[in-house]
């Protein structure tokens, strides 16, 4: 099942990383950059899908605090019961599956537009909500990002709600289902992690 997964990544060096004091501008600038990649690479997904995904992921991967998201998905019980190595493994598996699903989904929306709702605020709290609409030829998908300032001027996504569906809660529920099926065995949960996680299409 293909899903609208607007989650991903850890910091890496690329031209889209820079400190942005306004969280709305942070989300909008990167979203518009991804739209530009899609528009300029309409046929690339069919001819070289891995390169297409790499172009999308170069922008999107650094946008999310993956360590914080991964810990939240695992929940306190399983996070503290896991070893540091298992936590890192889960974060990597989680990141890879979401980036794969996200970039594949974007490839099918060649006519999309992104509209960010700017609030006009000039001062911001440590955690803020950013509203955005993804507009396709047939639908408008409302998206709410929860972003957090990391203390050094960078905003990072820590959760997203798509069409009223809280993705963070869905991923936590999915983790709990796997934990129940595999008696809390962290290694088995990681081995059976699926990129779709029964999220909305």
N, C-alpha and C. Protein backbone atom coordinates (compact mmCIF):
# COMPACT_ATOMS: atom_id res chain seq x y z
N UNK A 1 0.85 -1.19 0.00
CA UNK A 1 0.00 0.00 0.00
C UNK A 1 0.88 1.23 0.00
N UNK A 2 0.59 2.13 -0.91
CA UNK A 2 1.39 3.35 -0.99
C UNK A 2 0.79 4.39 -0.08
N UNK A 3 1.62 5.10 0.58
CA UNK A 3 1.17 6.01 1.63
C UNK A 3 1.74 7.39 1.44
N UNK A 4 1.01 8.38 1.95
CA UNK A 4 1.56 9.73 2.01
C UNK A 4 2.37 9.80 3.28
N UNK A 5 3.65 9.65 3.13
CA UNK A 5 4.51 9.64 4.30
C UNK A 5 5.40 10.87 4.23
N UNK A 6 5.09 11.85 5.02
CA UNK A 6 5.86 13.08 5.00
C UNK A 6 6.80 13.08 6.19
N UNK A 7 7.63 12.04 6.31
CA UNK A 7 8.58 11.92 7.40
C UNK A 7 9.94 11.56 6.83
N UNK A 8 11.02 11.98 7.50
CA UNK A 8 12.32 11.44 7.20
C UNK A 8 13.41 12.13 7.98
N UNK A 9 14.55 11.78 7.98
CA UNK A 9 15.87 12.00 8.05
C UNK A 9 16.68 12.57 9.15
N UNK A 10 17.93 12.39 8.94
CA UNK A 10 18.98 12.91 9.81
C UNK A 10 19.80 13.93 9.04
N UNK A 11 20.58 14.77 9.77
CA UNK A 11 21.38 15.78 9.10
C UNK A 11 22.44 15.13 8.21
N UNK A 12 22.64 15.72 7.04
CA UNK A 12 23.74 15.37 6.16
C UNK A 12 24.13 16.63 5.43
N UNK A 13 25.32 16.65 4.88
CA UNK A 13 25.78 17.86 4.21
C UNK A 13 25.16 17.94 2.83
N UNK A 14 24.37 18.98 2.58
CA UNK A 14 23.84 19.24 1.26
C UNK A 14 23.46 20.71 1.17
N UNK A 15 23.23 21.23 -0.05
CA UNK A 15 23.03 22.67 -0.20
C UNK A 15 21.74 23.19 0.39
N UNK A 16 20.87 22.34 0.90
CA UNK A 16 19.60 22.79 1.44
C UNK A 16 19.62 22.98 2.95
N UNK A 17 20.79 22.74 3.58
CA UNK A 17 20.91 22.90 5.02
C UNK A 17 21.38 24.32 5.34
N UNK A 18 20.57 25.06 6.04
CA UNK A 18 20.97 26.37 6.54
C UNK A 18 20.02 26.75 7.66
N UNK A 19 20.50 27.59 8.57
CA UNK A 19 19.67 28.00 9.70
C UNK A 19 18.53 28.87 9.20
N UNK A 20 17.31 28.61 9.66
CA UNK A 20 16.14 29.37 9.26
C UNK A 20 15.36 29.72 10.51
N UNK A 21 15.24 31.03 10.79
CA UNK A 21 14.60 31.45 12.03
C UNK A 21 13.09 31.30 11.99
N UNK A 22 12.50 31.30 10.80
CA UNK A 22 11.06 31.21 10.65
C UNK A 22 10.67 29.79 10.28
N UNK A 23 9.91 29.07 11.14
CA UNK A 23 9.58 27.68 10.84
C UNK A 23 8.71 27.51 9.60
N UNK A 24 7.85 28.50 9.31
CA UNK A 24 7.03 28.44 8.11
C UNK A 24 7.91 28.51 6.86
N UNK A 25 8.90 29.37 6.90
CA UNK A 25 9.82 29.50 5.77
C UNK A 25 10.67 28.25 5.63
N UNK A 26 11.05 27.67 6.75
CA UNK A 26 11.83 26.42 6.74
C UNK A 26 11.09 25.34 5.97
N UNK A 27 9.82 25.12 6.31
CA UNK A 27 9.04 24.10 5.64
C UNK A 27 8.79 24.47 4.18
N UNK A 28 8.43 25.71 3.93
CA UNK A 28 8.06 26.12 2.57
C UNK A 28 9.25 26.04 1.61
N UNK A 29 10.40 26.53 2.01
CA UNK A 29 11.54 26.56 1.10
C UNK A 29 11.94 25.17 0.65
N UNK A 30 11.93 24.22 1.57
CA UNK A 30 12.31 22.86 1.23
C UNK A 30 11.23 22.16 0.43
N UNK A 31 9.97 22.44 0.75
CA UNK A 31 8.87 21.85 -0.02
C UNK A 31 8.91 22.33 -1.47
N UNK A 32 9.14 23.62 -1.67
CA UNK A 32 9.20 24.15 -3.03
C UNK A 32 10.40 23.57 -3.79
N UNK A 33 11.50 23.34 -3.08
CA UNK A 33 12.67 22.72 -3.72
C UNK A 33 12.35 21.31 -4.19
N UNK A 34 11.58 20.56 -3.39
CA UNK A 34 11.20 19.21 -3.79
C UNK A 34 10.26 19.23 -4.98
N UNK A 35 9.32 20.17 -5.00
CA UNK A 35 8.41 20.30 -6.13
C UNK A 35 9.20 20.59 -7.41
N UNK A 36 10.21 21.45 -7.30
CA UNK A 36 11.04 21.78 -8.46
C UNK A 36 11.76 20.55 -8.99
N UNK A 37 12.27 19.72 -8.08
CA UNK A 37 12.93 18.48 -8.50
C UNK A 37 11.95 17.60 -9.26
N UNK A 38 10.73 17.48 -8.76
CA UNK A 38 9.74 16.62 -9.40
C UNK A 38 9.38 17.14 -10.78
N UNK A 39 9.15 18.45 -10.88
CA UNK A 39 8.78 19.05 -12.16
C UNK A 39 9.88 18.87 -13.20
N UNK A 40 11.12 19.01 -12.75
CA UNK A 40 12.25 18.94 -13.68
C UNK A 40 12.73 17.52 -13.96
N UNK A 41 12.12 16.54 -13.30
CA UNK A 41 12.56 15.14 -13.48
C UNK A 41 11.37 14.22 -13.68
N UNK A 42 10.43 14.63 -14.52
CA UNK A 42 9.20 13.87 -14.72
C UNK A 42 9.46 12.43 -15.15
N UNK A 43 10.43 12.22 -16.04
CA UNK A 43 10.66 10.88 -16.58
C UNK A 43 11.73 10.11 -15.83
N UNK A 44 12.39 10.76 -14.88
CA UNK A 44 13.52 10.13 -14.21
C UNK A 44 13.11 8.94 -13.36
N UNK A 45 11.92 9.01 -12.75
CA UNK A 45 11.50 7.91 -11.89
C UNK A 45 11.39 6.60 -12.65
N UNK A 46 10.98 6.67 -13.92
CA UNK A 46 10.88 5.47 -14.74
C UNK A 46 12.23 5.01 -15.27
N UNK A 47 13.08 5.97 -15.66
CA UNK A 47 14.38 5.60 -16.24
C UNK A 47 15.42 5.28 -15.18
N UNK A 48 15.38 5.98 -14.06
CA UNK A 48 16.37 5.75 -13.00
C UNK A 48 15.73 6.11 -11.65
N UNK A 49 14.87 5.24 -11.15
CA UNK A 49 14.13 5.55 -9.91
C UNK A 49 15.03 5.81 -8.72
N UNK A 50 16.16 5.14 -8.63
CA UNK A 50 17.05 5.34 -7.49
C UNK A 50 17.64 6.74 -7.50
N UNK A 51 17.98 7.25 -8.67
CA UNK A 51 18.50 8.61 -8.77
C UNK A 51 17.43 9.62 -8.43
N UNK A 52 16.20 9.36 -8.88
CA UNK A 52 15.09 10.25 -8.54
C UNK A 52 14.90 10.32 -7.03
N UNK A 53 14.89 9.18 -6.39
CA UNK A 53 14.71 9.13 -4.94
C UNK A 53 15.85 9.85 -4.23
N UNK A 54 17.04 9.69 -4.76
CA UNK A 54 18.20 10.35 -4.14
C UNK A 54 18.07 11.87 -4.20
N UNK A 55 17.54 12.38 -5.31
CA UNK A 55 17.35 13.82 -5.45
C UNK A 55 16.33 14.34 -4.45
N UNK A 56 15.24 13.59 -4.25
CA UNK A 56 14.22 13.98 -3.28
C UNK A 56 14.78 13.87 -1.86
N UNK A 57 15.44 12.77 -1.59
CA UNK A 57 15.94 12.53 -0.24
C UNK A 57 17.04 13.49 0.17
N UNK A 58 17.79 14.00 -0.80
CA UNK A 58 18.83 14.97 -0.49
C UNK A 58 18.24 16.20 0.19
N UNK A 59 17.03 16.55 -0.21
CA UNK A 59 16.35 17.70 0.38
C UNK A 59 15.60 17.29 1.64
N UNK A 60 14.88 16.18 1.56
CA UNK A 60 13.94 15.84 2.62
C UNK A 60 14.58 15.17 3.83
N UNK A 61 15.60 14.37 3.61
CA UNK A 61 16.19 13.59 4.71
C UNK A 61 16.63 14.44 5.90
N UNK A 62 17.26 15.59 5.68
CA UNK A 62 17.74 16.36 6.84
C UNK A 62 16.65 17.14 7.57
N UNK A 63 15.40 17.07 7.13
CA UNK A 63 14.37 17.94 7.68
C UNK A 63 13.80 17.45 9.02
N UNK A 64 14.01 16.19 9.35
CA UNK A 64 13.34 15.61 10.52
C UNK A 64 14.33 15.18 11.58
N UNK A 65 13.96 15.38 12.83
CA UNK A 65 14.76 14.90 13.96
C UNK A 65 14.48 13.41 14.13
N UNK A 66 15.24 12.60 13.42
CA UNK A 66 14.92 11.18 13.37
C UNK A 66 15.20 10.47 14.68
N UNK A 67 16.18 10.92 15.42
CA UNK A 67 16.44 10.30 16.72
C UNK A 67 15.25 10.51 17.65
N UNK A 68 14.72 11.72 17.67
CA UNK A 68 13.57 12.02 18.53
C UNK A 68 12.33 11.25 18.06
N UNK A 69 12.11 11.24 16.75
CA UNK A 69 10.95 10.53 16.20
C UNK A 69 11.06 9.04 16.48
N UNK A 70 12.26 8.47 16.26
CA UNK A 70 12.44 7.04 16.49
C UNK A 70 12.20 6.66 17.93
N UNK A 71 12.68 7.48 18.86
CA UNK A 71 12.47 7.20 20.28
C UNK A 71 10.99 7.27 20.63
N UNK A 72 10.29 8.24 20.04
CA UNK A 72 8.86 8.37 20.28
C UNK A 72 8.08 7.18 19.74
N UNK A 73 8.47 6.70 18.56
CA UNK A 73 7.79 5.55 17.96
C UNK A 73 8.00 4.31 18.82
N UNK A 74 9.19 4.12 19.33
CA UNK A 74 9.47 2.95 20.16
C UNK A 74 8.72 3.01 21.49
N UNK A 75 8.55 4.21 22.03
CA UNK A 75 7.94 4.36 23.34
C UNK A 75 8.97 4.13 24.43
N UNK A 76 8.72 4.69 25.62
CA UNK A 76 9.70 4.63 26.70
C UNK A 76 10.06 3.20 27.08
N UNK A 77 9.05 2.35 27.19
CA UNK A 77 9.29 0.97 27.64
C UNK A 77 10.29 0.27 26.74
N UNK A 78 10.04 0.28 25.44
CA UNK A 78 10.90 -0.45 24.52
C UNK A 78 12.20 0.30 24.24
N UNK A 79 12.15 1.62 24.31
CA UNK A 79 13.36 2.40 24.09
C UNK A 79 14.39 2.08 25.17
N UNK A 80 13.95 2.09 26.43
CA UNK A 80 14.89 1.84 27.52
C UNK A 80 15.24 0.37 27.66
N UNK A 81 14.41 -0.50 27.11
CA UNK A 81 14.71 -1.93 27.14
C UNK A 81 15.68 -2.33 26.03
N UNK A 82 15.86 -1.46 25.05
CA UNK A 82 16.73 -1.76 23.92
C UNK A 82 18.16 -1.30 24.20
N UNK A 83 19.09 -1.88 23.48
CA UNK A 83 20.48 -1.47 23.59
C UNK A 83 20.73 -0.27 22.66
N UNK A 84 21.80 0.48 22.89
CA UNK A 84 22.13 1.57 21.96
C UNK A 84 22.25 1.10 20.52
N UNK A 85 22.80 -0.10 20.33
CA UNK A 85 22.95 -0.64 18.98
C UNK A 85 21.59 -0.91 18.35
N UNK A 86 20.64 -1.45 19.13
CA UNK A 86 19.30 -1.72 18.62
C UNK A 86 18.58 -0.42 18.27
N UNK A 87 18.76 0.61 19.08
CA UNK A 87 18.13 1.90 18.79
C UNK A 87 18.63 2.45 17.46
N UNK A 88 19.94 2.36 17.26
CA UNK A 88 20.51 2.85 16.00
C UNK A 88 20.00 2.03 14.82
N UNK A 89 19.90 0.72 15.00
CA UNK A 89 19.39 -0.14 13.93
C UNK A 89 17.96 0.22 13.58
N UNK A 90 17.14 0.44 14.61
CA UNK A 90 15.75 0.77 14.35
C UNK A 90 15.63 2.11 13.62
N UNK A 91 16.41 3.10 14.05
CA UNK A 91 16.36 4.40 13.40
C UNK A 91 16.74 4.28 11.93
N UNK A 92 17.74 3.48 11.63
CA UNK A 92 18.17 3.33 10.24
C UNK A 92 17.12 2.62 9.40
N UNK A 93 16.53 1.55 9.96
CA UNK A 93 15.49 0.82 9.23
C UNK A 93 14.27 1.70 9.02
N UNK A 94 13.88 2.42 10.06
CA UNK A 94 12.74 3.33 10.01
C UNK A 94 12.99 4.41 8.97
N UNK A 95 14.16 5.02 9.01
CA UNK A 95 14.50 6.08 8.06
C UNK A 95 14.47 5.56 6.63
N UNK A 96 15.10 4.44 6.38
CA UNK A 96 15.17 3.90 5.02
C UNK A 96 13.79 3.60 4.46
N UNK A 97 12.93 2.99 5.27
CA UNK A 97 11.60 2.62 4.79
C UNK A 97 10.76 3.86 4.49
N UNK A 98 10.86 4.88 5.32
CA UNK A 98 10.06 6.08 5.11
C UNK A 98 10.54 6.89 3.91
N UNK A 99 11.84 7.00 3.75
CA UNK A 99 12.37 7.71 2.59
C UNK A 99 11.98 7.01 1.30
N UNK A 100 12.05 5.71 1.29
CA UNK A 100 11.68 4.92 0.11
C UNK A 100 10.22 5.16 -0.24
N UNK A 101 9.35 5.07 0.75
CA UNK A 101 7.92 5.20 0.51
C UNK A 101 7.57 6.63 0.12
N UNK A 102 8.17 7.58 0.79
CA UNK A 102 7.87 9.00 0.54
C UNK A 102 8.26 9.42 -0.87
N UNK A 103 9.49 9.09 -1.28
CA UNK A 103 9.95 9.48 -2.59
C UNK A 103 9.18 8.77 -3.70
N UNK A 104 8.80 7.51 -3.46
CA UNK A 104 8.00 6.78 -4.46
C UNK A 104 6.63 7.41 -4.63
N UNK A 105 6.05 7.86 -3.52
CA UNK A 105 4.74 8.51 -3.59
C UNK A 105 4.82 9.82 -4.34
N UNK A 106 5.83 10.62 -4.05
CA UNK A 106 5.98 11.91 -4.73
C UNK A 106 6.15 11.74 -6.23
N UNK A 107 6.76 10.65 -6.64
CA UNK A 107 7.01 10.44 -8.06
C UNK A 107 5.72 10.39 -8.87
N UNK A 108 4.62 10.06 -8.24
CA UNK A 108 3.35 9.91 -8.94
C UNK A 108 2.55 11.22 -9.00
N UNK A 109 3.05 12.26 -8.37
CA UNK A 109 2.32 13.52 -8.31
C UNK A 109 3.05 14.61 -9.07
N UNK A 110 3.16 14.43 -10.37
CA UNK A 110 3.90 15.38 -11.18
C UNK A 110 3.27 16.74 -11.28
N UNK A 111 1.98 16.85 -10.98
CA UNK A 111 1.29 18.13 -11.14
C UNK A 111 1.03 18.82 -9.79
N UNK A 112 1.72 18.40 -8.76
CA UNK A 112 1.41 18.91 -7.43
C UNK A 112 1.93 20.32 -7.21
N UNK A 113 1.29 21.00 -6.28
CA UNK A 113 1.73 22.30 -5.80
C UNK A 113 1.70 22.26 -4.27
N UNK A 114 2.55 23.07 -3.67
CA UNK A 114 2.60 23.17 -2.22
C UNK A 114 2.23 24.58 -1.81
N UNK A 115 1.29 24.68 -0.89
CA UNK A 115 0.89 25.98 -0.37
C UNK A 115 1.13 25.99 1.14
N UNK A 116 2.00 26.85 1.59
CA UNK A 116 2.28 26.99 3.02
C UNK A 116 1.50 28.18 3.57
N UNK A 117 0.89 28.00 4.72
CA UNK A 117 0.10 29.06 5.35
C UNK A 117 1.01 29.82 6.32
N UNK A 118 1.37 31.05 5.93
CA UNK A 118 2.23 31.86 6.77
C UNK A 118 1.39 32.62 7.80
N UNK A 119 1.84 32.60 9.05
CA UNK A 119 1.08 33.20 10.14
C UNK A 119 1.36 34.68 10.32
N UNK A 120 2.49 35.17 9.85
CA UNK A 120 2.88 36.56 10.08
C UNK A 120 3.60 36.77 11.39
N UNK A 121 3.78 35.69 12.17
CA UNK A 121 4.49 35.81 13.45
C UNK A 121 5.97 36.12 13.21
N UNK A 122 6.54 36.87 14.12
CA UNK A 122 7.97 37.18 14.04
C UNK A 122 8.76 36.58 15.20
N UNK A 123 8.07 36.07 16.19
CA UNK A 123 8.73 35.37 17.30
C UNK A 123 8.07 34.01 17.45
N UNK A 124 8.86 33.03 17.87
CA UNK A 124 8.37 31.66 17.87
C UNK A 124 8.79 30.92 19.15
N UNK A 125 7.96 29.96 19.54
CA UNK A 125 8.26 29.11 20.68
C UNK A 125 9.23 28.01 20.26
N UNK A 126 9.67 27.22 21.22
CA UNK A 126 10.61 26.12 20.90
C UNK A 126 9.97 25.11 19.95
N UNK A 127 8.65 24.88 20.14
CA UNK A 127 7.91 23.97 19.27
C UNK A 127 6.78 24.73 18.60
N UNK A 128 6.64 24.58 17.30
CA UNK A 128 5.62 25.30 16.54
C UNK A 128 4.90 24.35 15.58
N UNK A 129 3.70 24.76 15.16
CA UNK A 129 2.94 24.03 14.14
C UNK A 129 2.96 24.83 12.85
N UNK A 130 3.17 24.14 11.74
CA UNK A 130 3.17 24.77 10.42
C UNK A 130 2.11 24.09 9.57
N UNK A 131 1.19 24.90 9.02
CA UNK A 131 0.11 24.38 8.20
C UNK A 131 0.48 24.48 6.73
N UNK A 132 0.14 23.44 5.98
CA UNK A 132 0.47 23.41 4.57
C UNK A 132 -0.58 22.60 3.82
N UNK A 133 -0.79 22.92 2.54
CA UNK A 133 -1.68 22.14 1.68
C UNK A 133 -0.88 21.60 0.51
N UNK A 134 -1.02 20.31 0.24
CA UNK A 134 -0.47 19.71 -0.95
C UNK A 134 -1.61 19.61 -1.96
N UNK A 135 -1.46 20.31 -3.07
CA UNK A 135 -2.54 20.43 -4.05
C UNK A 135 -2.19 19.62 -5.29
N UNK A 136 -3.02 18.64 -5.64
CA UNK A 136 -2.86 17.87 -6.86
C UNK A 136 -3.98 18.23 -7.82
N UNK A 137 -4.03 17.59 -8.96
CA UNK A 137 -5.06 17.90 -9.95
C UNK A 137 -6.45 17.58 -9.42
N UNK A 138 -6.55 16.60 -8.52
CA UNK A 138 -7.86 16.13 -8.08
C UNK A 138 -8.16 16.36 -6.61
N UNK A 139 -7.15 16.64 -5.81
CA UNK A 139 -7.37 16.72 -4.37
C UNK A 139 -6.49 17.77 -3.71
N UNK A 140 -6.91 18.16 -2.52
CA UNK A 140 -6.10 19.00 -1.65
C UNK A 140 -5.87 18.24 -0.36
N UNK A 141 -4.61 18.03 0.00
CA UNK A 141 -4.27 17.28 1.20
C UNK A 141 -3.72 18.23 2.26
N UNK A 142 -4.48 18.50 3.32
CA UNK A 142 -3.97 19.36 4.40
C UNK A 142 -2.92 18.63 5.23
N UNK A 143 -1.87 19.34 5.54
CA UNK A 143 -0.76 18.77 6.30
C UNK A 143 -0.40 19.72 7.44
N UNK A 144 -0.21 19.18 8.62
CA UNK A 144 0.27 19.98 9.74
C UNK A 144 1.59 19.38 10.23
N UNK A 145 2.63 20.20 10.18
CA UNK A 145 3.93 19.80 10.68
C UNK A 145 4.11 20.32 12.11
N UNK A 146 4.64 19.49 12.98
CA UNK A 146 5.12 19.96 14.28
C UNK A 146 6.64 20.01 14.18
N UNK A 147 7.17 21.21 14.36
CA UNK A 147 8.62 21.38 14.24
C UNK A 147 9.19 21.89 15.55
N UNK A 148 10.44 21.57 15.78
CA UNK A 148 11.10 21.93 17.04
C UNK A 148 12.43 22.59 16.73
N UNK A 149 12.71 23.68 17.41
CA UNK A 149 14.00 24.35 17.26
C UNK A 149 15.04 23.58 18.06
N UNK A 150 16.13 23.23 17.42
CA UNK A 150 17.13 22.41 18.10
C UNK A 150 18.06 23.22 18.99
N UNK A 151 17.81 24.52 19.09
CA UNK A 151 18.61 25.37 19.95
C UNK A 151 19.76 26.06 19.25
N UNK A 152 20.03 25.67 18.00
CA UNK A 152 21.12 26.30 17.24
C UNK A 152 20.61 26.97 15.97
N UNK A 153 19.31 27.24 15.94
CA UNK A 153 18.73 27.93 14.80
C UNK A 153 18.12 27.04 13.75
N UNK A 154 18.17 25.73 13.93
CA UNK A 154 17.60 24.79 12.97
C UNK A 154 16.24 24.28 13.44
N UNK A 155 15.27 24.25 12.54
CA UNK A 155 13.98 23.65 12.82
C UNK A 155 13.97 22.24 12.26
N UNK A 156 13.44 21.30 13.05
CA UNK A 156 13.36 19.91 12.62
C UNK A 156 11.95 19.39 12.85
N UNK A 157 11.46 18.61 11.90
CA UNK A 157 10.13 18.02 12.02
C UNK A 157 10.15 16.91 13.07
N UNK A 158 9.16 16.92 13.98
CA UNK A 158 9.06 15.84 14.96
C UNK A 158 7.73 15.09 14.85
N UNK A 159 6.79 15.62 14.06
CA UNK A 159 5.54 14.89 13.80
C UNK A 159 4.80 15.57 12.66
N UNK A 160 3.91 14.82 12.02
CA UNK A 160 3.09 15.35 10.94
C UNK A 160 1.71 14.73 11.02
N UNK A 161 0.72 15.55 10.74
CA UNK A 161 -0.66 15.08 10.63
C UNK A 161 -1.11 15.31 9.20
N UNK A 162 -1.54 14.24 8.53
CA UNK A 162 -1.97 14.30 7.13
C UNK A 162 -3.46 13.97 7.06
N UNK A 163 -4.25 14.92 6.56
CA UNK A 163 -5.69 14.71 6.44
C UNK A 163 -6.31 14.25 7.76
N UNK A 164 -5.84 14.82 8.86
CA UNK A 164 -6.38 14.50 10.18
C UNK A 164 -5.79 13.26 10.81
N UNK A 165 -4.89 12.58 10.12
CA UNK A 165 -4.28 11.36 10.64
C UNK A 165 -2.90 11.69 11.21
N UNK A 166 -2.72 11.46 12.50
CA UNK A 166 -1.47 11.73 13.17
C UNK A 166 -0.51 10.58 12.89
N UNK A 167 0.50 10.85 12.06
CA UNK A 167 1.41 9.78 11.65
C UNK A 167 2.24 9.25 12.81
N UNK A 168 2.64 10.14 13.72
CA UNK A 168 3.42 9.69 14.86
C UNK A 168 2.66 8.66 15.68
N UNK A 169 1.38 8.92 15.94
CA UNK A 169 0.57 7.97 16.70
C UNK A 169 0.40 6.67 15.94
N UNK A 170 0.21 6.75 14.62
CA UNK A 170 0.06 5.53 13.82
C UNK A 170 1.32 4.67 13.87
N UNK A 171 2.48 5.31 13.76
CA UNK A 171 3.72 4.56 13.81
C UNK A 171 3.93 3.93 15.18
N UNK A 172 3.57 4.66 16.25
CA UNK A 172 3.70 4.09 17.59
C UNK A 172 2.78 2.88 17.75
N UNK A 173 1.57 3.00 17.22
CA UNK A 173 0.63 1.88 17.30
C UNK A 173 1.16 0.67 16.52
N UNK A 174 1.74 0.94 15.36
CA UNK A 174 2.29 -0.14 14.54
C UNK A 174 3.45 -0.83 15.26
N UNK A 175 4.29 -0.03 15.91
CA UNK A 175 5.40 -0.61 16.68
C UNK A 175 4.86 -1.51 17.78
N UNK A 176 3.81 -1.06 18.46
CA UNK A 176 3.23 -1.84 19.55
C UNK A 176 2.63 -3.15 19.04
N UNK A 177 2.04 -3.12 17.84
CA UNK A 177 1.50 -4.35 17.25
C UNK A 177 2.63 -5.35 17.01
N UNK A 178 3.73 -4.88 16.42
CA UNK A 178 4.86 -5.76 16.19
C UNK A 178 5.46 -6.26 17.50
N UNK A 179 5.51 -5.38 18.50
CA UNK A 179 6.04 -5.79 19.81
C UNK A 179 5.19 -6.90 20.41
N UNK A 180 3.88 -6.79 20.25
CA UNK A 180 2.98 -7.83 20.76
C UNK A 180 3.17 -9.15 20.01
N UNK A 181 3.32 -9.04 18.70
CA UNK A 181 3.47 -10.25 17.87
C UNK A 181 4.78 -10.97 18.13
N UNK A 182 5.81 -10.21 18.54
CA UNK A 182 7.14 -10.80 18.70
C UNK A 182 7.64 -10.73 20.15
N UNK A 183 6.67 -10.68 21.08
CA UNK A 183 6.98 -10.74 22.51
C UNK A 183 8.02 -9.71 22.94
N UNK A 184 7.94 -8.52 22.34
CA UNK A 184 8.83 -7.44 22.73
C UNK A 184 10.27 -7.60 22.28
N UNK A 185 10.52 -8.57 21.40
CA UNK A 185 11.88 -8.79 20.91
C UNK A 185 12.25 -7.68 19.92
N UNK A 186 13.14 -6.80 20.34
CA UNK A 186 13.47 -5.63 19.54
C UNK A 186 14.06 -6.02 18.19
N UNK A 187 14.91 -7.02 18.18
CA UNK A 187 15.52 -7.45 16.92
C UNK A 187 14.46 -7.94 15.94
N UNK A 188 13.48 -8.69 16.44
CA UNK A 188 12.42 -9.19 15.57
C UNK A 188 11.52 -8.06 15.08
N UNK A 189 11.27 -7.09 15.93
CA UNK A 189 10.48 -5.93 15.51
C UNK A 189 11.18 -5.22 14.36
N UNK A 190 12.48 -5.03 14.50
CA UNK A 190 13.25 -4.38 13.45
C UNK A 190 13.22 -5.20 12.17
N UNK A 191 13.38 -6.51 12.31
CA UNK A 191 13.41 -7.39 11.13
C UNK A 191 12.09 -7.41 10.38
N UNK A 192 10.98 -7.16 11.09
CA UNK A 192 9.66 -7.23 10.47
C UNK A 192 9.06 -5.86 10.18
N UNK A 193 9.85 -4.80 10.38
CA UNK A 193 9.31 -3.46 10.13
C UNK A 193 8.97 -3.31 8.66
N UNK A 194 7.76 -2.77 8.40
CA UNK A 194 7.27 -2.57 7.03
C UNK A 194 7.10 -1.09 6.79
N UNK A 195 7.44 -0.62 5.59
CA UNK A 195 7.42 0.82 5.30
C UNK A 195 6.01 1.41 5.30
N UNK A 196 4.98 0.60 5.01
CA UNK A 196 3.62 1.15 4.91
C UNK A 196 3.00 1.41 6.27
N UNK A 197 3.15 0.47 7.19
CA UNK A 197 2.64 0.64 8.56
C UNK A 197 1.17 1.01 8.61
N UNK A 198 0.41 0.59 7.59
CA UNK A 198 -1.04 0.85 7.56
C UNK A 198 -1.39 2.32 7.66
N UNK A 199 -0.58 3.18 7.02
CA UNK A 199 -0.84 4.61 7.03
C UNK A 199 -1.74 5.00 5.87
N UNK A 200 -2.31 6.22 5.90
CA UNK A 200 -3.26 6.61 4.87
C UNK A 200 -2.63 6.72 3.49
N UNK A 201 -3.34 6.29 2.43
CA UNK A 201 -2.84 6.39 1.07
C UNK A 201 -3.04 7.79 0.55
